[in-house]
Amino acid sequence: MLALTWDFRTFSGLEKITQFLVDRLGSARPSAFAIRDDAYLGLQRPYPDLAWINLFFDFETSVGIAFGIARLIPDASGEWKAHTVYTNLEDLKEFPEKVGKFRKQTPNHGKWIDDRKREVEFADKPPVVLVIGGGQNGLEVAARLKALDVSTLLIEKNARIGDNWRNRY
């Protein structure tokens, strides 16, 4: 998700897909495409009159490392066309995972509260990303960005995080 845009989008029809690609490919700059070797790749034919081709692929964009899934189906004339194309941003290039050599090695015994206060006040750096909505998806995105050390501000219209669930039932 979000490999070519920063929001979720669905397009249907050649005209809409073409316009999306014209608008986004210049800034996303997808490159380094490579087909994955996977058991689900290739022609699938569960019945004589039903067939599709699955493709899994890796690629890069201007901001990250991504993968994609495409399913091709034959039309009435027998020509293969994309039925579904899904892309997913796996990593941000400027924000590597905090594992291995990137992990903070020094303990913060007794300093967690002070560190958290500085983080909440954005004392060391301003937020780079604004997440709107403290529901499940907003919290998940904010947590993932925090793990990547991306300074993130999450805003919620309700009084407390989780009120969208509490007020629903």
C-alpha atoms as a PDB file:
ATOM      1  CA  MET A   1       0.000   0.000   0.000  1.00  0.00           C
ATOM      2  CA  LEU A   2       1.101   3.497  -0.626  1.00  0.00           C
ATOM      3  CA  ALA A   3       4.023   2.643  -2.914  1.00  0.00           C
ATOM      4  CA  LEU A   4       2.919   5.138  -5.580  1.00  0.00           C
ATOM      5  CA  THR A   5       0.768   7.485  -3.470  1.00  0.00           C
ATOM      6  CA  TRP A   6       0.458   8.457   0.181  1.00  0.00           C
ATOM      7  CA  ASP A   7      -3.212   7.529   0.312  1.00  0.00           C
ATOM      8  CA  PHE A   8      -5.349   4.543  -0.593  1.00  0.00           C
ATOM      9  CA  ARG A   9      -6.806   4.607  -4.102  1.00  0.00           C
ATOM     10  CA  THR A  10      -8.709   2.281  -6.405  1.00  0.00           C
ATOM     11  CA  PHE A  11      -8.978   2.842 -10.150  1.00  0.00           C
ATOM     12  CA  SER A  12     -11.037   1.067 -12.751  1.00  0.00           C
ATOM     13  CA  GLY A  13     -10.871   1.604 -16.488  1.00  0.00           C
ATOM     14  CA  LEU A  14      -8.049   2.411 -18.864  1.00  0.00           C
ATOM     15  CA  GLU A  15      -8.627   6.182 -18.857  1.00  0.00           C
ATOM     16  CA  LYS A  16      -8.507   6.535 -15.047  1.00  0.00           C
ATOM     17  CA  ILE A  17      -5.526   4.213 -14.683  1.00  0.00           C
ATOM     18  CA  THR A  18      -3.619   6.011 -17.439  1.00  0.00           C
ATOM     19  CA  GLN A  19      -4.276   9.426 -15.870  1.00  0.00           C
ATOM     20  CA  PHE A  20      -3.148   8.156 -12.457  1.00  0.00           C
ATOM     21  CA  LEU A  21       0.098   6.836 -13.942  1.00  0.00           C
ATOM     22  CA  VAL A  22       0.725  10.076 -15.868  1.00  0.00           C
ATOM     23  CA  ASP A  23       0.207  12.042 -12.646  1.00  0.00           C
ATOM     24  CA  ARG A  24       2.309   9.825 -10.353  1.00  0.00           C
ATOM     25  CA  LEU A  25       5.130   8.111 -12.225  1.00  0.00           C
ATOM     26  CA  GLY A  26       7.225  11.271 -12.555  1.00  0.00           C
ATOM     27  CA  SER A  27       7.508  11.813  -8.807  1.00  0.00           C
ATOM     28  CA  ALA A  28       7.349   8.169  -7.645  1.00  0.00           C
ATOM     29  CA  ARG A  29      10.026   7.129 -10.184  1.00  0.00           C
ATOM     30  CA  PRO A  30       9.527   3.356  -9.924  1.00  0.00           C
ATOM     31  CA  SER A  31      12.619   1.410 -10.998  1.00  0.00           C
ATOM     32  CA  ALA A  32      14.658  -1.770 -10.478  1.00  0.00           C
ATOM     33  CA  PHE A  33      11.756  -4.137 -11.180  1.00  0.00           C
ATOM     34  CA  ALA A  34      12.453  -7.819 -10.546  1.00  0.00           C
ATOM     35  CA  ILE A  35      10.029 -10.755 -10.675  1.00  0.00           C
ATOM     36  CA  ARG A  36       9.951 -12.821  -7.472  1.00  0.00           C
ATOM     37  CA  ASP A  37      10.466 -16.556  -7.704  1.00  0.00           C
ATOM     38  CA  ASP A  38       7.413 -17.924  -5.941  1.00  0.00           C
ATOM     39  CA  ALA A  39       5.235 -21.032  -6.107  1.00  0.00           C
ATOM     40  CA  TYR A  40       2.176 -18.881  -6.822  1.00  0.00           C
ATOM     41  CA  LEU A  41       3.736 -17.302  -9.898  1.00  0.00           C
ATOM     42  CA  GLY A  42       2.732 -18.147 -13.416  1.00  0.00           C
ATOM     43  CA  LEU A  43      -0.309 -19.584 -15.066  1.00  0.00           C
ATOM     44  CA  GLN A  44      -3.060 -20.841 -12.771  1.00  0.00           C
ATOM     45  CA  ARG A  45      -5.778 -22.943 -14.373  1.00  0.00           C
ATOM     46  CA  PRO A  46      -8.089 -24.489 -11.749  1.00  0.00           C
ATOM     47  CA  TYR A  47     -10.707 -25.327 -14.411  1.00  0.00           C
ATOM     48  CA  PRO A  48     -10.503 -25.650 -18.198  1.00  0.00           C
ATOM     49  CA  ASP A  49     -12.452 -22.406 -18.716  1.00  0.00           C
ATOM     50  CA  LEU A  50     -10.827 -20.384 -15.914  1.00  0.00           C
ATOM     51  CA  ALA A  51      -7.246 -19.118 -16.023  1.00  0.00           C
ATOM     52  CA  TRP A  52      -5.063 -16.284 -14.747  1.00  0.00           C
ATOM     53  CA  ILE A  53      -1.405 -15.378 -14.384  1.00  0.00           C
ATOM     54  CA  ASN A  54       0.003 -14.237 -11.045  1.00  0.00           C
ATOM     55  CA  LEU A  55       3.068 -11.986 -10.905  1.00  0.00           C
ATOM     56  CA  PHE A  56       4.885 -10.971  -7.727  1.00  0.00           C
ATOM     57  CA  PHE A  57       7.572  -8.344  -8.168  1.00  0.00           C
ATOM     58  CA  ASP A  58       9.981  -6.149  -6.231  1.00  0.00           C
ATOM     59  CA  PHE A  59      10.809  -2.565  -7.165  1.00  0.00           C
ATOM     60  CA  GLU A  60      12.005   0.753  -5.782  1.00  0.00           C
ATOM     61  CA  THR A  61      10.478   4.208  -5.758  1.00  0.00           C
ATOM     62  CA  SER A  62      12.031   7.595  -5.093  1.00  0.00           C
ATOM     63  CA  VAL A  63      11.332   7.147  -1.359  1.00  0.00           C
ATOM     64  CA  GLY A  64      11.365   3.449  -0.657  1.00  0.00           C
ATOM     65  CA  ILE A  65      11.585  -0.249  -1.331  1.00  0.00           C
ATOM     66  CA  ALA A  66       8.344  -1.850  -2.538  1.00  0.00           C
ATOM     67  CA  PHE A  67       6.750  -4.989  -3.881  1.00  0.00           C
ATOM     68  CA  GLY A  68       3.743  -5.638  -6.051  1.00  0.00           C
ATOM     69  CA  ILE A  69       1.263  -8.286  -7.055  1.00  0.00           C
ATOM     70  CA  ALA A  70      -0.453  -8.386 -10.420  1.00  0.00           C
ATOM     71  CA  ARG A  71      -3.053 -10.739 -11.784  1.00  0.00           C
ATOM     72  CA  LEU A  72      -3.570 -10.999 -15.524  1.00  0.00           C
ATOM     73  CA  ILE A  73      -6.697 -12.509 -17.050  1.00  0.00           C
ATOM     74  CA  PRO A  74      -7.606 -13.227 -20.654  1.00  0.00           C
ATOM     75  CA  ASP A  75     -10.390 -11.139 -22.191  1.00  0.00           C
ATOM     76  CA  ALA A  76     -12.947 -12.490 -24.669  1.00  0.00           C
ATOM     77  CA  SER A  77     -10.451 -12.207 -27.541  1.00  0.00           C
ATOM     78  CA  GLY A  78      -7.794 -14.150 -25.607  1.00  0.00           C
ATOM     79  CA  GLU A  79      -5.605 -11.087 -24.968  1.00  0.00           C
ATOM     80  CA  TRP A  80      -4.133 -10.954 -21.447  1.00  0.00           C
ATOM     81  CA  LYS A  81      -4.949  -7.817 -19.446  1.00  0.00           C
ATOM     82  CA  ALA A  82      -4.246  -6.673 -15.902  1.00  0.00           C
ATOM     83  CA  HIS A  83      -7.204  -7.464 -13.679  1.00  0.00           C
ATOM     84  CA  THR A  84      -5.559  -6.392 -10.403  1.00  0.00           C
ATOM     85  CA  VAL A  85      -2.334  -4.577  -9.579  1.00  0.00           C
ATOM     86  CA  TYR A  86      -1.432  -4.020  -5.939  1.00  0.00           C
ATOM     87  CA  THR A  87       1.692  -2.271  -4.672  1.00  0.00           C
ATOM     88  CA  ASN A  88       3.062  -2.087  -1.151  1.00  0.00           C
ATOM     89  CA  LEU A  89       5.756   0.161   0.302  1.00  0.00           C
ATOM     90  CA  GLU A  90       7.970  -2.057   2.473  1.00  0.00           C
ATOM     91  CA  ASP A  91      10.663   0.362   3.685  1.00  0.00           C
ATOM     92  CA  LEU A  92      11.469   4.053   3.547  1.00  0.00           C
ATOM     93  CA  LYS A  93      14.976   4.639   2.174  1.00  0.00           C
ATOM     94  CA  GLU A  94      15.870   7.482   4.536  1.00  0.00           C
ATOM     95  CA  PHE A  95      14.499   5.715   7.619  1.00  0.00           C
ATOM     96  CA  PRO A  96      16.036   2.238   8.016  1.00  0.00           C
ATOM     97  CA  GLU A  97      14.582  -0.283  10.471  1.00  0.00           C
ATOM     98  CA  LYS A  98      15.994   0.160  13.973  1.00  0.00           C
ATOM     99  CA  VAL A  99      17.454  -3.338  14.122  1.00  0.00           C
ATOM    100  CA  GLY A 100      21.007  -4.665  14.184  1.00  0.00           C
ATOM    101  CA  LYS A 101      23.563  -1.870  13.871  1.00  0.00           C
ATOM    102  CA  PHE A 102      20.779   0.753  13.685  1.00  0.00           C
ATOM    103  CA  ARG A 103      19.303  -0.229  17.044  1.00  0.00           C
ATOM    104  CA  LYS A 104      19.939   2.111  19.958  1.00  0.00           C
ATOM    105  CA  GLN A 105      22.438   0.162  22.051  1.00  0.00           C
ATOM    106  CA  THR A 106      22.515   2.342  25.171  1.00  0.00           C
ATOM    107  CA  PRO A 107      19.959   1.652  27.890  1.00  0.00           C
ATOM    108  CA  ASN A 108      17.719   4.465  29.102  1.00  0.00           C
ATOM    109  CA  HIS A 109      17.267   3.250  32.671  1.00  0.00           C
ATOM    110  CA  GLY A 110      15.000   5.696  34.465  1.00  0.00           C
ATOM    111  CA  LYS A 111      15.002   8.142  31.558  1.00  0.00           C
ATOM    112  CA  TRP A 112      11.954   6.884  29.660  1.00  0.00           C
ATOM    113  CA  ILE A 113       9.597   9.521  31.084  1.00  0.00           C
ATOM    114  CA  ASP A 114      11.951  12.376  30.160  1.00  0.00           C
ATOM    115  CA  ASP A 115      12.489  10.936  26.668  1.00  0.00           C
ATOM    116  CA  ARG A 116       8.730  10.571  26.174  1.00  0.00           C
ATOM    117  CA  LYS A 117       8.072  14.140  27.338  1.00  0.00           C
ATOM    118  CA  ARG A 118      10.618  15.521  24.827  1.00  0.00           C
ATOM    119  CA  GLU A 119       9.050  13.376  22.113  1.00  0.00           C
ATOM    120  CA  VAL A 120       5.493  14.574  22.853  1.00  0.00           C
ATOM    121  CA  GLU A 121       6.652  18.215  22.871  1.00  0.00           C
ATOM    122  CA  PHE A 122       8.640  17.724  19.617  1.00  0.00           C
ATOM    123  CA  ALA A 123      11.561  19.301  21.477  1.00  0.00           C
ATOM    124  CA  ASP A 124      14.267  17.748  19.279  1.00  0.00           C
ATOM    125  CA  LYS A 125      12.614  17.814  15.861  1.00  0.00           C
ATOM    126  CA  PRO A 126       9.294  18.896  14.366  1.00  0.00           C
ATOM    127  CA  PRO A 127       6.848  16.303  13.048  1.00  0.00           C
ATOM    128  CA  VAL A 128       7.528  15.161   9.506  1.00  0.00           C
ATOM    129  CA  VAL A 129       4.226  13.305   9.069  1.00  0.00           C
ATOM    130  CA  LEU A 130       0.683  14.218  10.088  1.00  0.00           C
ATOM    131  CA  VAL A 131      -1.649  11.262  10.678  1.00  0.00           C
ATOM    132  CA  ILE A 132      -5.310  12.249  10.779  1.00  0.00           C
ATOM    133  CA  GLY A 133      -7.447   9.922  12.861  1.00  0.00           C
ATOM    134  CA  GLY A 134      -6.613   7.912  15.968  1.00  0.00           C
ATOM    135  CA  GLY A 135      -8.560   4.849  14.925  1.00  0.00           C
ATOM    136  CA  GLN A 136      -7.004   1.457  14.290  1.00  0.00           C
ATOM    137  CA  ASN A 137      -5.343   2.430  10.999  1.00  0.00           C
ATOM    138  CA  GLY A 138      -4.103   5.787  12.259  1.00  0.00           C
ATOM    139  CA  LEU A 139      -2.571   4.196  15.350  1.00  0.00           C
ATOM    140  CA  GLU A 140      -0.984   1.460  13.264  1.00  0.00           C
ATOM    141  CA  VAL A 141       0.576   3.933  10.824  1.00  0.00           C
ATOM    142  CA  ALA A 142       1.804   6.163  13.661  1.00  0.00           C
ATOM    143  CA  ALA A 143       3.337   3.191  15.514  1.00  0.00           C
ATOM    144  CA  ARG A 144       5.056   1.963  12.359  1.00  0.00           C
ATOM    145  CA  LEU A 145       6.475   5.427  11.646  1.00  0.00           C
ATOM    146  CA  LYS A 146       7.700   5.688  15.241  1.00  0.00           C
ATOM    147  CA  ALA A 147       9.521   2.366  14.818  1.00  0.00           C
ATOM    148  CA  LEU A 148      11.249   3.911  11.806  1.00  0.00           C
ATOM    149  CA  ASP A 149      12.110   7.028  13.858  1.00  0.00           C
ATOM    150  CA  VAL A 150       9.912   9.259  11.716  1.00  0.00           C
ATOM    151  CA  SER A 151       8.629  12.145  13.818  1.00  0.00           C
ATOM    152  CA  THR A 152       4.824  11.890  13.598  1.00  0.00           C
ATOM    153  CA  LEU A 153       1.924  13.954  14.911  1.00  0.00           C
ATOM    154  CA  LEU A 154      -1.368  12.058  15.230  1.00  0.00           C
ATOM    155  CA  ILE A 155      -4.556  14.090  15.596  1.00  0.00           C
ATOM    156  CA  GLU A 156      -7.987  12.767  16.576  1.00  0.00           C
ATOM    157  CA  LYS A 157     -11.343  14.576  16.562  1.00  0.00           C
ATOM    158  CA  ASN A 158     -12.630  12.713  19.627  1.00  0.00           C
ATOM    159  CA  ALA A 159     -11.597  13.550  23.182  1.00  0.00           C
ATOM    160  CA  ARG A 160      -9.613  10.335  23.653  1.00  0.00           C
ATOM    161  CA  ILE A 161      -7.856   7.843  21.447  1.00  0.00           C
ATOM    162  CA  GLY A 162     -10.216   4.917  21.035  1.00  0.00           C
ATOM    163  CA  ASP A 163     -13.401   6.970  21.433  1.00  0.00           C
ATOM    164  CA  ASN A 164     -14.395   6.089  17.883  1.00  0.00           C
ATOM    165  CA  TRP A 165     -14.822   2.504  19.170  1.00  0.00           C
ATOM    166  CA  ARG A 166     -16.332   3.466  22.520  1.00  0.00           C
ATOM    167  CA  ASN A 167     -18.884   5.793  20.902  1.00  0.00           C
ATOM    168  CA  ARG A 168     -19.853   3.313  18.217  1.00  0.00           C
ATOM    169  CA  TYR A 169     -21.397   0.654  20.440  1.00  0.00           C
END
